């Protein structure tokens, strides 16, 4: 049985302003379109050079020759900068965030439902398919994206599981979802491609749940 689903800021004078305090609005010296574009270009080079883990907002600012405050103004954190730089169709944290709050015994359904519901969106699917194809064909793209996906998705799921088997369980879940995405949305394998979303969720979720909480013949180190 299916469980229940769960005008740009303007700087204004500040009375009794503390010396050195950061003012509201866009940092001095920024020009909206050109500066953001410059930061994104620098970020693309920095992520390619240092990877997601090695890059930082400060290192991107240095490469772009801008004040770090400008990078913080346009992007709240490194993940948001990475998402826009790589033209990702959605923030994985937005998909996984609520799904992983489900009770552990319902987590398989929650994750499967979140995945299928996201891929159902017409605006999401074309860029997502292009991204998957790029990952398959480019080792460099996969190398850059893997640490980001690990942080935003895998680590969030793994945190809900027993430490001694979390890595293996998360890898099994990932293999199932990646195979499903390629078969249903990229290759369009029938009858999987035209199967009703709710039916597909009911079929896949028990397997995901078994990977998460079932008995697995794996060694515990």
Protein backbone atom coordinates (compact mmCIF):
# COMPACT_ATOMS: atom_id res chain seq x y z
CA UNK A 1 0.00 0.00 0.00
CA UNK A 2 1.31 3.43 -0.89
CA UNK A 3 2.17 5.60 2.14
CA UNK A 4 0.97 9.20 2.36
CA UNK A 5 3.09 11.59 0.36
CA UNK A 6 4.38 13.96 2.09
CA UNK A 7 13.29 45.81 -8.73
CA UNK A 8 16.73 44.54 -7.42
CA UNK A 9 17.55 45.60 -3.87
CA UNK A 10 18.49 49.27 -3.59
CA UNK A 11 21.04 50.43 -1.07
CA UNK A 12 19.54 52.88 1.38
CA UNK A 13 21.20 55.03 4.03
CA UNK A 14 21.27 53.24 7.36
CA UNK A 15 21.05 55.40 10.48
CA UNK A 16 24.01 55.02 12.83
CA UNK A 17 25.61 52.56 10.42
CA UNK A 18 28.47 50.60 11.89
CA UNK A 19 31.76 51.33 10.07
CA UNK A 20 32.77 48.45 7.81
CA UNK A 21 29.32 46.82 7.88
CA UNK A 22 28.16 45.42 4.56
CA UNK A 23 25.43 47.57 2.97
CA UNK A 24 22.24 46.23 1.47
CA UNK A 25 21.90 45.81 -2.27
CA UNK A 26 24.38 44.94 -4.98
CA UNK A 27 28.04 45.32 -3.97
CA UNK A 28 29.88 48.33 -5.34
CA UNK A 29 31.34 47.91 -8.79
CA UNK A 30 28.90 45.30 -10.10
CA UNK A 31 26.96 45.45 -13.35
CA UNK A 32 24.17 42.92 -13.33
CA UNK A 33 24.39 41.09 -16.67
CA UNK A 34 28.06 41.38 -17.52
CA UNK A 35 29.34 40.70 -14.01
CA UNK A 36 27.22 37.58 -13.50
CA UNK A 37 28.25 36.29 -16.93
CA UNK A 38 31.89 36.94 -16.07
CA UNK A 39 31.54 35.01 -12.82
CA UNK A 40 29.85 32.07 -14.55
CA UNK A 41 32.62 31.88 -17.17
CA UNK A 42 35.26 31.95 -14.44
CA UNK A 43 33.35 29.32 -12.46
CA UNK A 44 33.23 27.02 -15.49
CA UNK A 45 37.01 27.15 -15.75
CA UNK A 46 37.52 26.80 -12.00
CA UNK A 47 35.26 23.76 -11.67
CA UNK A 48 36.96 22.16 -14.68
CA UNK A 49 40.37 22.85 -13.11
CA UNK A 50 39.74 22.11 -9.43
CA UNK A 51 36.55 20.04 -9.49
CA UNK A 52 33.50 20.70 -7.35
CA UNK A 53 35.26 19.89 -4.09
CA UNK A 54 38.40 21.89 -4.81
CA UNK A 55 36.70 25.04 -6.08
CA UNK A 56 35.36 27.74 -3.77
CA UNK A 57 33.47 30.99 -4.19
CA UNK A 58 36.66 32.83 -3.28
CA UNK A 59 38.73 30.98 -5.89
CA UNK A 60 36.07 31.73 -8.51
CA UNK A 61 36.19 35.41 -7.51
CA UNK A 62 39.97 35.44 -7.96
CA UNK A 63 39.70 33.86 -11.39
CA UNK A 64 36.98 36.37 -12.39
CA UNK A 65 38.97 39.29 -10.89
CA UNK A 66 35.99 40.45 -8.84
CA UNK A 67 35.33 41.04 -5.17
CA UNK A 68 34.18 37.83 -3.40
CA UNK A 69 31.16 39.81 -2.17
CA UNK A 70 29.93 39.95 -5.77
CA UNK A 71 29.94 36.17 -6.07
CA UNK A 72 28.03 35.89 -2.79
CA UNK A 73 25.57 38.50 -4.05
CA UNK A 74 24.60 36.52 -7.16
CA UNK A 75 24.94 32.98 -5.75
CA UNK A 76 24.00 31.98 -2.20
CA UNK A 77 26.50 29.10 -2.11
CA UNK A 78 28.82 26.95 -4.19
CA UNK A 79 26.08 24.48 -5.06
CA UNK A 80 23.90 27.19 -6.60
CA UNK A 81 26.86 28.52 -8.58
CA UNK A 82 27.66 25.01 -9.80
CA UNK A 83 24.05 24.37 -10.86
CA UNK A 84 23.93 27.52 -12.96
CA UNK A 85 27.41 27.01 -14.37
CA UNK A 86 26.66 23.45 -15.47
CA UNK A 87 23.16 24.37 -16.68
CA UNK A 88 21.59 21.70 -14.51
CA UNK A 89 17.81 21.57 -15.01
CA UNK A 90 17.08 21.40 -11.28
CA UNK A 91 18.80 21.53 -7.93
CA UNK A 92 19.11 17.91 -6.73
CA UNK A 93 18.75 19.13 -3.15
CA UNK A 94 15.28 20.40 -4.01
CA UNK A 95 14.27 16.93 -5.20
CA UNK A 96 15.90 14.90 -2.48
CA UNK A 97 15.45 17.25 0.46
CA UNK A 98 11.85 16.44 1.34
CA UNK A 99 11.99 12.85 0.09
CA UNK A 100 14.67 11.82 2.60
CA UNK A 101 12.57 13.05 5.52
CA UNK A 102 10.12 10.19 5.05
CA UNK A 103 10.13 7.38 7.64
CA UNK A 104 12.83 4.86 6.83
CA UNK A 105 10.29 2.14 6.03
CA UNK A 106 8.71 4.43 3.42
CA UNK A 107 11.93 5.90 2.02
CA UNK A 108 11.95 3.68 -1.08
CA UNK A 109 8.54 4.92 -2.14
CA UNK A 110 9.37 8.53 -1.27
CA UNK A 111 12.59 8.57 -3.34
CA UNK A 112 11.02 6.76 -6.31
CA UNK A 113 8.04 9.09 -6.29
CA UNK A 114 10.29 12.17 -6.16
CA UNK A 115 12.33 10.91 -9.12
CA UNK A 116 9.36 10.04 -11.34
CA UNK A 117 7.48 13.22 -10.43
CA UNK A 118 10.47 15.35 -11.40
CA UNK A 119 11.00 13.61 -14.74
CA UNK A 120 7.29 14.02 -15.46
CA UNK A 121 7.73 17.81 -15.85
CA UNK A 122 7.91 18.86 -19.55
CA UNK A 123 10.32 21.73 -18.86
CA UNK A 124 12.69 19.45 -16.97
CA UNK A 125 12.95 16.49 -19.30
CA UNK A 126 14.78 17.85 -22.43
CA UNK A 127 17.71 19.47 -20.57
CA UNK A 128 17.88 16.51 -18.18
CA UNK A 129 18.10 14.03 -21.07
CA UNK A 130 20.84 16.17 -22.65
CA UNK A 131 22.73 16.15 -19.35
CA UNK A 132 22.47 12.36 -19.00
CA UNK A 133 23.72 11.87 -22.55
CA UNK A 134 26.61 14.22 -21.83
CA UNK A 135 27.52 12.24 -18.73
CA UNK A 136 27.51 9.00 -20.68
CA UNK A 137 29.66 10.36 -23.51
CA UNK A 138 32.08 12.57 -21.56
CA UNK A 139 34.40 11.27 -18.86
CA UNK A 140 35.32 14.86 -17.98
CA UNK A 141 31.69 15.84 -17.36
CA UNK A 142 31.16 12.75 -15.23
CA UNK A 143 34.29 13.52 -13.22
CA UNK A 144 33.11 17.06 -12.49
CA UNK A 145 29.51 16.13 -11.67
CA UNK A 146 30.17 13.03 -9.53
CA UNK A 147 31.33 14.86 -6.34
CA UNK A 148 28.39 17.26 -6.60
CA UNK A 149 25.87 14.43 -6.99
CA UNK A 150 27.59 12.58 -4.15
CA UNK A 151 27.17 15.58 -1.84
CA UNK A 152 23.65 16.62 -2.81
CA UNK A 153 22.03 13.19 -3.26
CA UNK A 154 24.00 10.15 -2.15
CA UNK A 155 25.25 11.55 1.14
CA UNK A 156 21.73 12.66 2.11
CA UNK A 157 20.33 9.18 1.54
CA UNK A 158 23.32 7.48 3.15
CA UNK A 159 22.89 9.56 6.30
CA UNK A 160 19.59 7.75 6.94
CA UNK A 161 21.18 4.28 6.78
CA UNK A 162 23.40 2.18 9.06
CA UNK A 163 26.96 3.35 8.50
CA UNK A 164 28.41 -0.12 7.90
CA UNK A 165 26.21 -0.81 4.85
CA UNK A 166 25.24 2.70 3.72
CA UNK A 167 27.76 2.96 0.87
CA UNK A 168 26.73 -0.34 -0.72
CA UNK A 169 23.02 0.35 -0.30
CA UNK A 170 23.23 3.83 -1.81
CA UNK A 171 25.23 2.50 -4.75
CA UNK A 172 22.55 -0.14 -5.42
CA UNK A 173 19.81 2.50 -5.29
CA UNK A 174 21.79 4.71 -7.66
CA UNK A 175 22.27 1.84 -10.11
CA UNK A 176 18.53 1.17 -10.15
CA UNK A 177 17.58 4.81 -10.69
CA UNK A 178 20.25 5.46 -13.33
CA UNK A 179 19.18 2.36 -15.25
CA UNK A 180 15.55 3.43 -15.01
CA UNK A 181 16.30 6.94 -16.28
CA UNK A 182 18.30 5.68 -19.25
CA UNK A 183 15.81 2.96 -20.20
CA UNK A 184 12.64 5.04 -19.80
CA UNK A 185 13.68 8.56 -20.80
CA UNK A 186 16.85 8.33 -22.90
CA UNK A 187 16.43 5.05 -24.82
CA UNK A 188 12.60 5.07 -24.50
CA UNK A 189 12.45 1.31 -24.03
CA UNK A 190 8.90 -0.02 -24.28
CA UNK A 191 6.70 -0.78 -22.48
CA UNK A 192 8.67 1.08 -19.79
CA UNK A 193 8.62 4.38 -21.69
CA UNK A 194 4.84 4.59 -21.91
CA UNK A 195 4.03 3.02 -18.56
CA UNK A 196 1.81 5.04 -16.22
CA UNK A 197 3.85 6.95 -13.63
CA UNK A 198 1.92 5.65 -10.63
CA UNK A 199 2.18 2.06 -11.89
CA UNK A 200 5.91 2.45 -12.39
CA UNK A 201 6.36 3.84 -8.88
CA UNK A 202 4.50 0.88 -7.41
CA UNK A 203 6.71 -1.54 -9.33
CA UNK A 204 10.08 0.08 -8.64
CA UNK A 205 9.66 1.36 -5.07
CA UNK A 206 9.72 -2.09 -3.37
CA UNK A 207 13.09 -2.85 -4.98
CA UNK A 208 14.48 0.48 -3.81
CA UNK A 209 13.14 -0.20 -0.32
CA UNK A 210 14.80 -3.62 -0.27
CA UNK A 211 18.12 -2.04 -1.20
CA UNK A 212 17.68 0.49 1.60
CA UNK A 213 16.47 -1.66 4.47
CA UNK A 214 16.27 -5.30 3.37
CA UNK A 215 18.70 -8.10 4.05
CA UNK A 216 21.56 -7.99 1.57
CA UNK A 217 24.28 -10.63 1.10
CA UNK A 218 27.08 -8.10 1.57
CA UNK A 219 29.99 -8.15 3.96
CA UNK A 220 29.91 -5.59 6.77
CA UNK A 221 33.26 -4.03 7.50
